[in-house]
């Protein structure tokens, strides 16, 4: 919990500093800046030999800031809290049948995205996007506490070992690459669809040592968000 609070303080301090930077440069005529709030859904896929999993629909909420260089180009920065829903394959004990165990994968993301509007049509702008996304925390939390005693395939892990930051006593940091599409209406409503792919290995800090297999992975996820810009 202390790590989550620390991440929130750091991220919001960053957002305030950037807000001041954008406002100052907007006032000086360098570029126009806008800010708003974001809400959306995610679909996260784990791709690792540590776990057998199935994707699920999660959610994301956050703040968004834009630096408008022209009608066609802008820089978008977001600070998001993500709660991705995934199902991990496990069982009650080694002799029990397999079952799907629901988890929430919790992290904070800071995408810094370049957006280019290739089509301007009346009140609509249609754009393409690309850029890095920086992620803090990587913690799988059980949806149902009653599943705490289960073990997870294929390495028969206890769920507690998926709380990476608690077990390692340090905060996970990962980088994803993002590409996507955007539609903006009337300078107020911004809809974005993105594909994120991990550049760093999210499982390199997994608190699990295996004599038989190297733990590695490269996750990806999709997001659809709607932002209201002030």
Protein backbone atom coordinates (compact mmCIF):
# COMPACT_ATOMS: atom_id res chain seq x y z
CA UNK A 1 0.00 0.00 0.00
CA UNK A 2 2.85 2.42 0.82
CA UNK A 3 4.35 1.78 -2.62
CA UNK A 4 1.05 2.56 -4.32
CA UNK A 5 0.70 5.80 -2.36
CA UNK A 6 4.28 6.74 -3.28
CA UNK A 7 3.60 6.05 -6.97
CA UNK A 8 0.43 8.16 -6.87
CA UNK A 9 2.29 11.08 -5.27
CA UNK A 10 5.14 10.90 -7.79
CA UNK A 11 2.84 10.61 -10.79
CA UNK A 12 0.54 13.43 -9.77
CA UNK A 13 3.50 15.65 -8.94
CA UNK A 14 4.79 14.97 -12.45
CA UNK A 15 1.39 15.83 -13.90
CA UNK A 16 1.27 19.13 -11.97
CA UNK A 17 4.77 20.06 -13.14
CA UNK A 18 3.89 19.29 -16.74
CA UNK A 19 0.63 21.23 -16.42
CA UNK A 20 2.61 24.27 -15.33
CA UNK A 21 5.08 23.76 -18.19
CA UNK A 22 2.31 23.46 -20.79
CA UNK A 23 0.43 26.45 -19.39
CA UNK A 24 3.52 28.66 -19.40
CA UNK A 25 4.46 27.76 -22.95
CA UNK A 26 0.85 28.09 -24.11
CA UNK A 27 0.74 31.60 -22.65
CA UNK A 28 3.97 32.41 -24.46
CA UNK A 29 2.51 31.26 -27.76
CA UNK A 30 4.85 28.27 -28.21
CA UNK A 31 1.96 25.78 -28.34
CA UNK A 32 -1.58 25.33 -27.08
CA UNK A 33 -2.16 23.02 -24.14
CA UNK A 34 -5.30 21.24 -22.93
CA UNK A 35 -6.08 18.93 -20.03
CA UNK A 36 -8.80 16.47 -19.21
CA UNK A 37 -9.90 13.18 -17.70
CA UNK A 38 -9.89 9.71 -19.23
CA UNK A 39 -11.84 6.51 -18.73
CA UNK A 40 -11.72 3.30 -20.73
CA UNK A 41 -11.45 -0.47 -20.98
CA UNK A 42 -8.47 -2.79 -21.50
CA UNK A 43 -7.86 -6.34 -22.66
CA UNK A 44 -4.56 -7.71 -21.32
CA UNK A 45 -2.70 -10.81 -22.50
CA UNK A 46 0.18 -12.33 -20.52
CA UNK A 47 2.82 -14.01 -22.69
CA UNK A 48 5.18 -15.73 -20.27
CA UNK A 49 6.38 -19.21 -19.40
CA UNK A 50 5.65 -18.39 -15.74
CA UNK A 51 1.87 -18.59 -16.13
CA UNK A 52 -0.94 -20.13 -18.15
CA UNK A 53 -3.56 -17.43 -18.62
CA UNK A 54 -6.64 -16.14 -20.41
CA UNK A 55 -7.35 -12.50 -21.18
CA UNK A 56 -10.19 -10.51 -19.65
CA UNK A 57 -11.71 -7.04 -19.75
CA UNK A 58 -10.32 -4.52 -17.27
CA UNK A 59 -10.51 -0.75 -16.88
CA UNK A 60 -8.33 2.35 -16.90
CA UNK A 61 -8.87 5.85 -15.48
CA UNK A 62 -6.57 8.84 -15.49
CA UNK A 63 -5.58 12.35 -16.47
CA UNK A 64 -4.56 13.57 -19.92
CA UNK A 65 -2.61 16.60 -21.15
CA UNK A 66 -1.95 17.68 -24.73
CA UNK A 67 0.56 20.02 -26.34
CA UNK A 68 -0.88 21.23 -29.64
CA UNK A 69 1.82 22.14 -32.16
CA UNK A 70 -0.62 22.61 -35.07
CA UNK A 71 -4.07 21.45 -36.21
CA UNK A 72 -2.45 18.20 -37.33
CA UNK A 73 0.19 17.37 -34.74
CA UNK A 74 0.24 17.15 -30.97
CA UNK A 75 1.95 15.44 -28.04
CA UNK A 76 -0.27 13.56 -25.62
CA UNK A 77 0.75 12.64 -22.08
CA UNK A 78 -1.40 10.57 -19.75
CA UNK A 79 -1.18 9.29 -16.19
CA UNK A 80 -3.42 6.24 -15.80
CA UNK A 81 -4.36 3.76 -13.12
CA UNK A 82 -4.92 0.38 -14.80
CA UNK A 83 -6.66 -2.66 -13.41
CA UNK A 84 -6.40 -5.38 -16.04
CA UNK A 85 -8.53 -8.47 -15.51
CA UNK A 86 -6.88 -11.82 -16.32
CA UNK A 87 -7.68 -15.44 -15.54
CA UNK A 88 -4.78 -17.67 -14.51
CA UNK A 89 -4.96 -21.43 -14.78
CA UNK A 90 -4.54 -23.15 -11.43
CA UNK A 91 -5.95 -25.78 -9.13
CA UNK A 92 -6.77 -26.33 -5.50
CA UNK A 93 -3.93 -28.84 -5.01
CA UNK A 94 -1.67 -30.98 -7.17
CA UNK A 95 -4.32 -33.70 -7.60
CA UNK A 96 -7.27 -31.39 -8.32
CA UNK A 97 -8.59 -30.53 -11.81
CA UNK A 98 -7.53 -27.27 -13.41
CA UNK A 99 -9.71 -24.18 -13.08
CA UNK A 100 -9.62 -20.51 -14.04
CA UNK A 101 -8.70 -18.21 -11.15
CA UNK A 102 -9.50 -14.49 -11.65
CA UNK A 103 -6.81 -11.88 -10.91
CA UNK A 104 -6.48 -8.14 -11.32
CA UNK A 105 -3.14 -6.99 -12.71
CA UNK A 106 -2.60 -3.53 -11.22
CA UNK A 107 -0.19 -0.90 -12.55
CA UNK A 108 0.23 2.81 -13.30
CA UNK A 109 1.11 3.91 -16.84
CA UNK A 110 2.51 7.13 -18.28
CA UNK A 111 2.12 7.09 -22.09
CA UNK A 112 3.87 9.88 -24.02
CA UNK A 113 2.33 9.71 -27.47
CA UNK A 114 2.81 11.67 -30.68
CA UNK A 115 -0.51 12.13 -32.51
CA UNK A 116 -0.78 13.11 -36.18
CA UNK A 117 -4.20 14.02 -37.60
CA UNK A 118 -4.19 12.76 -41.18
CA UNK A 119 -7.79 13.88 -41.84
CA UNK A 120 -9.57 17.08 -40.75
CA UNK A 121 -13.30 16.97 -41.43
CA UNK A 122 -15.59 19.70 -40.03
CA UNK A 123 -15.61 19.15 -36.23
CA UNK A 124 -13.76 15.81 -36.49
CA UNK A 125 -10.06 14.98 -36.50
CA UNK A 126 -8.81 11.49 -37.38
CA UNK A 127 -5.28 10.63 -36.28
CA UNK A 128 -2.59 7.99 -35.90
CA UNK A 129 -0.42 7.61 -32.81
CA UNK A 130 2.88 6.14 -31.64
CA UNK A 131 5.14 6.46 -28.62
CA UNK A 132 6.49 4.89 -25.43
CA UNK A 133 4.54 4.10 -22.28
CA UNK A 134 6.25 3.88 -18.89
CA UNK A 135 4.71 1.55 -16.31
CA UNK A 136 5.14 1.37 -12.53
CA UNK A 137 4.14 -1.65 -10.42
CA UNK A 138 3.28 -5.09 -11.73
CA UNK A 139 1.12 -6.84 -9.17
CA UNK A 140 -1.37 -9.66 -9.69
CA UNK A 141 -4.07 -9.40 -7.01
CA UNK A 142 -6.59 -12.16 -6.35
CA UNK A 143 -10.20 -11.20 -7.01
CA UNK A 144 -11.42 -13.74 -4.46
CA UNK A 145 -9.45 -14.14 -1.23
CA UNK A 146 -10.78 -17.69 -0.97
CA UNK A 147 -8.42 -18.68 -3.82
CA UNK A 148 -5.31 -17.80 -1.76
CA UNK A 149 -4.55 -21.46 -1.10
CA UNK A 150 -4.60 -22.50 -4.77
CA UNK A 151 -1.50 -23.19 -6.87
CA UNK A 152 -0.89 -21.90 -10.38
CA UNK A 153 0.22 -23.74 -13.50
CA UNK A 154 2.75 -24.61 -14.80
CA UNK A 155 5.20 -24.12 -11.89
CA UNK A 156 2.67 -24.69 -9.09
CA UNK A 157 3.19 -21.20 -7.65
CA UNK A 158 1.33 -19.74 -4.71
CA UNK A 159 -0.59 -16.55 -5.66
CA UNK A 160 1.50 -14.47 -3.24
CA UNK A 161 4.52 -14.83 -5.54
CA UNK A 162 2.71 -12.75 -8.18
CA UNK A 163 2.77 -9.66 -5.98
CA UNK A 164 6.15 -8.81 -7.48
CA UNK A 165 6.75 -5.54 -5.64
CA UNK A 166 5.79 -6.84 -2.21
CA UNK A 167 8.03 -9.88 -2.53
CA UNK A 168 10.99 -7.97 -4.02
CA UNK A 169 10.65 -4.87 -1.83
CA UNK A 170 11.14 -2.65 -4.86
CA UNK A 171 8.86 -1.08 -7.46
CA UNK A 172 8.69 -2.70 -10.89
CA UNK A 173 9.41 -0.49 -13.88
CA UNK A 174 8.55 -1.47 -17.44
CA UNK A 175 8.44 0.15 -20.85
CA UNK A 176 5.80 -0.59 -23.47
CA UNK A 177 5.62 0.61 -27.06
CA UNK A 178 2.22 1.91 -28.18
CA UNK A 179 0.56 2.51 -31.55
CA UNK A 180 -3.03 3.50 -32.18
CA UNK A 181 -5.80 5.52 -33.78
CA UNK A 182 -7.64 8.59 -32.51
CA UNK A 183 -10.86 10.45 -33.26
CA UNK A 184 -11.47 13.91 -31.82
CA UNK A 185 -14.78 15.75 -31.89
CA UNK A 186 -15.32 19.48 -31.41
CA UNK A 187 -12.00 19.94 -29.57
CA UNK A 188 -13.60 18.33 -26.48
CA UNK A 189 -14.07 14.59 -26.91
CA UNK A 190 -11.09 12.37 -27.76
CA UNK A 191 -11.51 8.64 -28.40
CA UNK A 192 -8.37 6.50 -28.69
CA UNK A 193 -7.74 2.87 -29.55
CA UNK A 194 -4.22 1.60 -28.80
CA UNK A 195 -2.11 -1.53 -28.90
CA UNK A 196 0.64 -1.79 -26.27
CA UNK A 197 3.55 -4.27 -26.43
CA UNK A 198 6.14 -4.64 -23.69
CA UNK A 199 9.71 -3.70 -24.60
CA UNK A 200 11.18 -4.72 -21.26
CA UNK A 201 10.41 -8.12 -19.75
CA UNK A 202 7.72 -7.60 -17.06
CA UNK A 203 8.73 -10.92 -15.42
CA UNK A 204 12.45 -10.26 -14.99
CA UNK A 205 11.77 -9.32 -11.34
CA UNK A 206 9.47 -12.22 -10.60
CA UNK A 207 10.39 -13.49 -7.10
CA UNK A 208 10.59 -17.06 -8.36
CA UNK A 209 13.74 -19.02 -9.10
CA UNK A 210 13.46 -22.19 -11.15
CA UNK A 211 16.27 -24.67 -11.71
CA UNK A 212 14.58 -25.91 -14.84
CA UNK A 213 13.41 -22.85 -16.79
CA UNK A 214 14.38 -19.20 -17.20
CA UNK A 215 11.44 -16.94 -16.36
CA UNK A 216 10.71 -14.50 -19.19
CA UNK A 217 7.82 -12.87 -20.98
CA UNK A 218 6.55 -10.11 -23.24
CA UNK A 219 2.98 -9.02 -22.51
CA UNK A 220 0.64 -6.97 -24.67
CA UNK A 221 -2.74 -5.33 -24.31
CA UNK A 222 -5.38 -3.27 -26.07
CA UNK A 223 -7.11 -0.20 -24.70
CA UNK A 224 -10.08 1.88 -25.78
CA UNK A 225 -10.43 5.20 -23.95
CA UNK A 226 -12.59 8.30 -24.10
CA UNK A 227 -11.26 11.62 -22.77
CA UNK A 228 -13.01 14.88 -22.05
CA UNK A 229 -10.74 17.89 -22.63
CA UNK A 230 -11.28 21.18 -20.84
